[in-house]
Amino acid sequence: MERVKNNTSLSSSERKLLIREKRETIVKPLIHTIERLSDITGQTAETRHEQWFQDTYSHLINKGLDKLRNPVREEDLLADWQPFKRVCNGSIVFVKLLSNALSAQ
């Protein structure tokens, strides 16, 4: 996207159109996959861990989906990906804590 943004042979409207098309090509399969994940994790929780995950991360997942579907700036995909990075980082911390607790037993 950076190359398109810096291409002086394109008009501003052509750059915006190309950036939008490139973004859609990248984001469309992600949205589909994350929607499926959201549907699965949004079902009624069967365990306390599932309930914890829903309580902790469902708002971030929904916020991230909304940002991917309706970007503020088409060229700023990394900013739209931040809620998912937070889910991932939080899950990694949880797994490490759980692993340490289990190994201490």
C-alpha atoms as a PDB file:
ATOM      1  CA  MET A   1       0.000   0.000   0.000  1.00  0.00           C
ATOM      2  CA  GLU A   2       2.933   2.290   0.671  1.00  0.00           C
ATOM      3  CA  ARG A   3       4.079   2.042  -2.951  1.00  0.00           C
ATOM      4  CA  VAL A   4       0.602   2.988  -4.176  1.00  0.00           C
ATOM      5  CA  LYS A   5       0.463   5.886  -1.730  1.00  0.00           C
ATOM      6  CA  ASN A   6       3.800   7.241  -2.980  1.00  0.00           C
ATOM      7  CA  ASN A   7       3.118   6.688  -6.691  1.00  0.00           C
ATOM      8  CA  THR A   8       3.061  10.178  -8.207  1.00  0.00           C
ATOM      9  CA  SER A   9       1.831   8.963 -11.597  1.00  0.00           C
ATOM     10  CA  LEU A  10      -1.580   8.191 -10.052  1.00  0.00           C
ATOM     11  CA  SER A  11      -4.198  10.751  -9.180  1.00  0.00           C
ATOM     12  CA  SER A  12      -5.408  11.012  -5.598  1.00  0.00           C
ATOM     13  CA  SER A  13      -8.682   9.264  -6.434  1.00  0.00           C
ATOM     14  CA  GLU A  14      -6.820   6.460  -8.236  1.00  0.00           C
ATOM     15  CA  ARG A  15      -4.562   5.961  -5.216  1.00  0.00           C
ATOM     16  CA  LYS A  16      -7.549   5.818  -2.867  1.00  0.00           C
ATOM     17  CA  LEU A  17      -9.310   3.314  -5.108  1.00  0.00           C
ATOM     18  CA  LEU A  18      -6.242   1.055  -5.357  1.00  0.00           C
ATOM     19  CA  ILE A  19      -5.634   1.212  -1.614  1.00  0.00           C
ATOM     20  CA  ARG A  20      -9.270   0.337  -0.940  1.00  0.00           C
ATOM     21  CA  GLU A  21      -9.105  -2.613  -3.365  1.00  0.00           C
ATOM     22  CA  LYS A  22      -5.829  -3.906  -1.915  1.00  0.00           C
ATOM     23  CA  ARG A  23      -7.172  -3.606   1.622  1.00  0.00           C
ATOM     24  CA  GLU A  24     -10.363  -5.443   0.728  1.00  0.00           C
ATOM     25  CA  THR A  25      -8.333  -8.242  -0.869  1.00  0.00           C
ATOM     26  CA  ILE A  26      -6.332  -8.648   2.330  1.00  0.00           C
ATOM     27  CA  VAL A  27      -9.140  -8.145   4.839  1.00  0.00           C
ATOM     28  CA  LYS A  28     -12.033 -10.085   3.287  1.00  0.00           C
ATOM     29  CA  PRO A  29     -10.749 -13.587   4.197  1.00  0.00           C
ATOM     30  CA  LEU A  30      -9.730 -12.328   7.649  1.00  0.00           C
ATOM     31  CA  ILE A  31     -13.200 -10.973   8.323  1.00  0.00           C
ATOM     32  CA  HIS A  32     -14.762 -14.260   7.241  1.00  0.00           C
ATOM     33  CA  THR A  33     -12.475 -16.287   9.528  1.00  0.00           C
ATOM     34  CA  ILE A  34     -12.889 -13.964  12.500  1.00  0.00           C
ATOM     35  CA  GLU A  35     -16.680 -13.942  12.056  1.00  0.00           C
ATOM     36  CA  ARG A  36     -16.651 -17.740  12.234  1.00  0.00           C
ATOM     37  CA  LEU A  37     -14.459 -17.596  15.347  1.00  0.00           C
ATOM     38  CA  SER A  38     -16.790 -15.024  16.871  1.00  0.00           C
ATOM     39  CA  ASP A  39     -19.810 -17.230  16.152  1.00  0.00           C
ATOM     40  CA  ILE A  40     -18.133 -20.202  17.806  1.00  0.00           C
ATOM     41  CA  THR A  41     -16.876 -18.320  20.861  1.00  0.00           C
ATOM     42  CA  GLY A  42     -20.162 -16.430  21.148  1.00  0.00           C
ATOM     43  CA  GLN A  43     -22.168 -19.571  21.828  1.00  0.00           C
ATOM     44  CA  THR A  44     -23.318 -20.310  25.348  1.00  0.00           C
ATOM     45  CA  ALA A  45     -20.276 -21.012  27.490  1.00  0.00           C
ATOM     46  CA  GLU A  46     -20.028 -24.569  28.801  1.00  0.00           C
ATOM     47  CA  THR A  47     -17.088 -24.062  31.163  1.00  0.00           C
ATOM     48  CA  ARG A  48     -15.863 -21.284  33.412  1.00  0.00           C
ATOM     49  CA  HIS A  49     -12.847 -20.810  31.121  1.00  0.00           C
ATOM     50  CA  GLU A  50     -15.100 -20.287  28.119  1.00  0.00           C
ATOM     51  CA  GLN A  51     -17.130 -17.797  30.150  1.00  0.00           C
ATOM     52  CA  TRP A  52     -13.940 -15.994  31.181  1.00  0.00           C
ATOM     53  CA  PHE A  53     -12.801 -15.813  27.551  1.00  0.00           C
ATOM     54  CA  GLN A  54     -16.156 -14.398  26.469  1.00  0.00           C
ATOM     55  CA  ASP A  55     -16.248 -11.865  29.285  1.00  0.00           C
ATOM     56  CA  THR A  56     -12.651 -10.816  28.707  1.00  0.00           C
ATOM     57  CA  TYR A  57     -12.341 -10.789  24.924  1.00  0.00           C
ATOM     58  CA  SER A  58     -15.732 -10.678  23.206  1.00  0.00           C
ATOM     59  CA  HIS A  59     -15.810  -6.866  23.226  1.00  0.00           C
ATOM     60  CA  LEU A  60     -12.301  -6.713  21.695  1.00  0.00           C
ATOM     61  CA  ILE A  61     -13.217  -9.226  18.999  1.00  0.00           C
ATOM     62  CA  ASN A  62     -16.399  -7.317  18.140  1.00  0.00           C
ATOM     63  CA  LYS A  63     -14.535  -3.992  18.168  1.00  0.00           C
ATOM     64  CA  GLY A  64     -11.861  -5.427  15.892  1.00  0.00           C
ATOM     65  CA  LEU A  65     -14.426  -6.808  13.460  1.00  0.00           C
ATOM     66  CA  ASP A  66     -16.123  -3.444  13.322  1.00  0.00           C
ATOM     67  CA  LYS A  67     -12.791  -1.712  12.621  1.00  0.00           C
ATOM     68  CA  LEU A  68     -11.982  -4.172   9.834  1.00  0.00           C
ATOM     69  CA  ARG A  69     -15.433  -3.790   8.273  1.00  0.00           C
ATOM     70  CA  ASN A  70     -15.564   0.011   8.632  1.00  0.00           C
ATOM     71  CA  PRO A  71     -12.042   1.426   8.628  1.00  0.00           C
ATOM     72  CA  VAL A  72     -11.420   5.029   9.577  1.00  0.00           C
ATOM     73  CA  ARG A  73      -8.392   5.140   7.266  1.00  0.00           C
ATOM     74  CA  GLU A  74      -8.171   2.547   4.492  1.00  0.00           C
ATOM     75  CA  GLU A  75      -4.372   2.573   4.482  1.00  0.00           C
ATOM     76  CA  ASP A  76      -3.990   1.995   8.244  1.00  0.00           C
ATOM     77  CA  LEU A  77      -4.581  -1.743   8.498  1.00  0.00           C
ATOM     78  CA  LEU A  78      -2.213  -2.132  11.449  1.00  0.00           C
ATOM     79  CA  ALA A  79      -4.329   0.170  13.614  1.00  0.00           C
ATOM     80  CA  ASP A  80      -7.433  -1.850  12.758  1.00  0.00           C
ATOM     81  CA  TRP A  81      -5.620  -5.041  13.787  1.00  0.00           C
ATOM     82  CA  GLN A  82      -4.771  -3.803  17.334  1.00  0.00           C
ATOM     83  CA  PRO A  83      -7.796  -5.361  19.130  1.00  0.00           C
ATOM     84  CA  PHE A  84      -6.775  -8.796  17.836  1.00  0.00           C
ATOM     85  CA  LYS A  85      -3.185  -8.275  18.969  1.00  0.00           C
ATOM     86  CA  ARG A  86      -4.534  -7.508  22.440  1.00  0.00           C
ATOM     87  CA  VAL A  87      -6.554 -10.745  22.437  1.00  0.00           C
ATOM     88  CA  CYS A  88      -3.504 -12.707  21.318  1.00  0.00           C
ATOM     89  CA  ASN A  89      -1.163 -11.098  23.839  1.00  0.00           C
ATOM     90  CA  GLY A  90      -3.652 -11.564  26.666  1.00  0.00           C
ATOM     91  CA  SER A  91      -4.096 -15.220  25.757  1.00  0.00           C
ATOM     92  CA  ILE A  92      -0.331 -15.757  25.721  1.00  0.00           C
ATOM     93  CA  VAL A  93       0.004 -14.232  29.186  1.00  0.00           C
ATOM     94  CA  PHE A  94      -2.849 -16.411  30.474  1.00  0.00           C
ATOM     95  CA  VAL A  95      -1.296 -19.588  29.034  1.00  0.00           C
ATOM     96  CA  LYS A  96       2.096 -18.738  30.561  1.00  0.00           C
ATOM     97  CA  LEU A  97       0.525 -18.099  33.971  1.00  0.00           C
ATOM     98  CA  LEU A  98      -1.434 -21.329  33.761  1.00  0.00           C
ATOM     99  CA  SER A  99       1.662 -23.253  32.663  1.00  0.00           C
ATOM    100  CA  ASN A 100       3.691 -21.846  35.556  1.00  0.00           C
ATOM    101  CA  ALA A 101       0.928 -22.701  38.044  1.00  0.00           C
ATOM    102  CA  LEU A 102       0.703 -26.265  36.758  1.00  0.00           C
ATOM    103  CA  SER A 103       4.454 -26.807  36.761  1.00  0.00           C
ATOM    104  CA  ALA A 104       4.647 -25.531  40.357  1.00  0.00           C
ATOM    105  CA  GLN A 105       2.332 -28.300  41.538  1.00  0.00           C
END
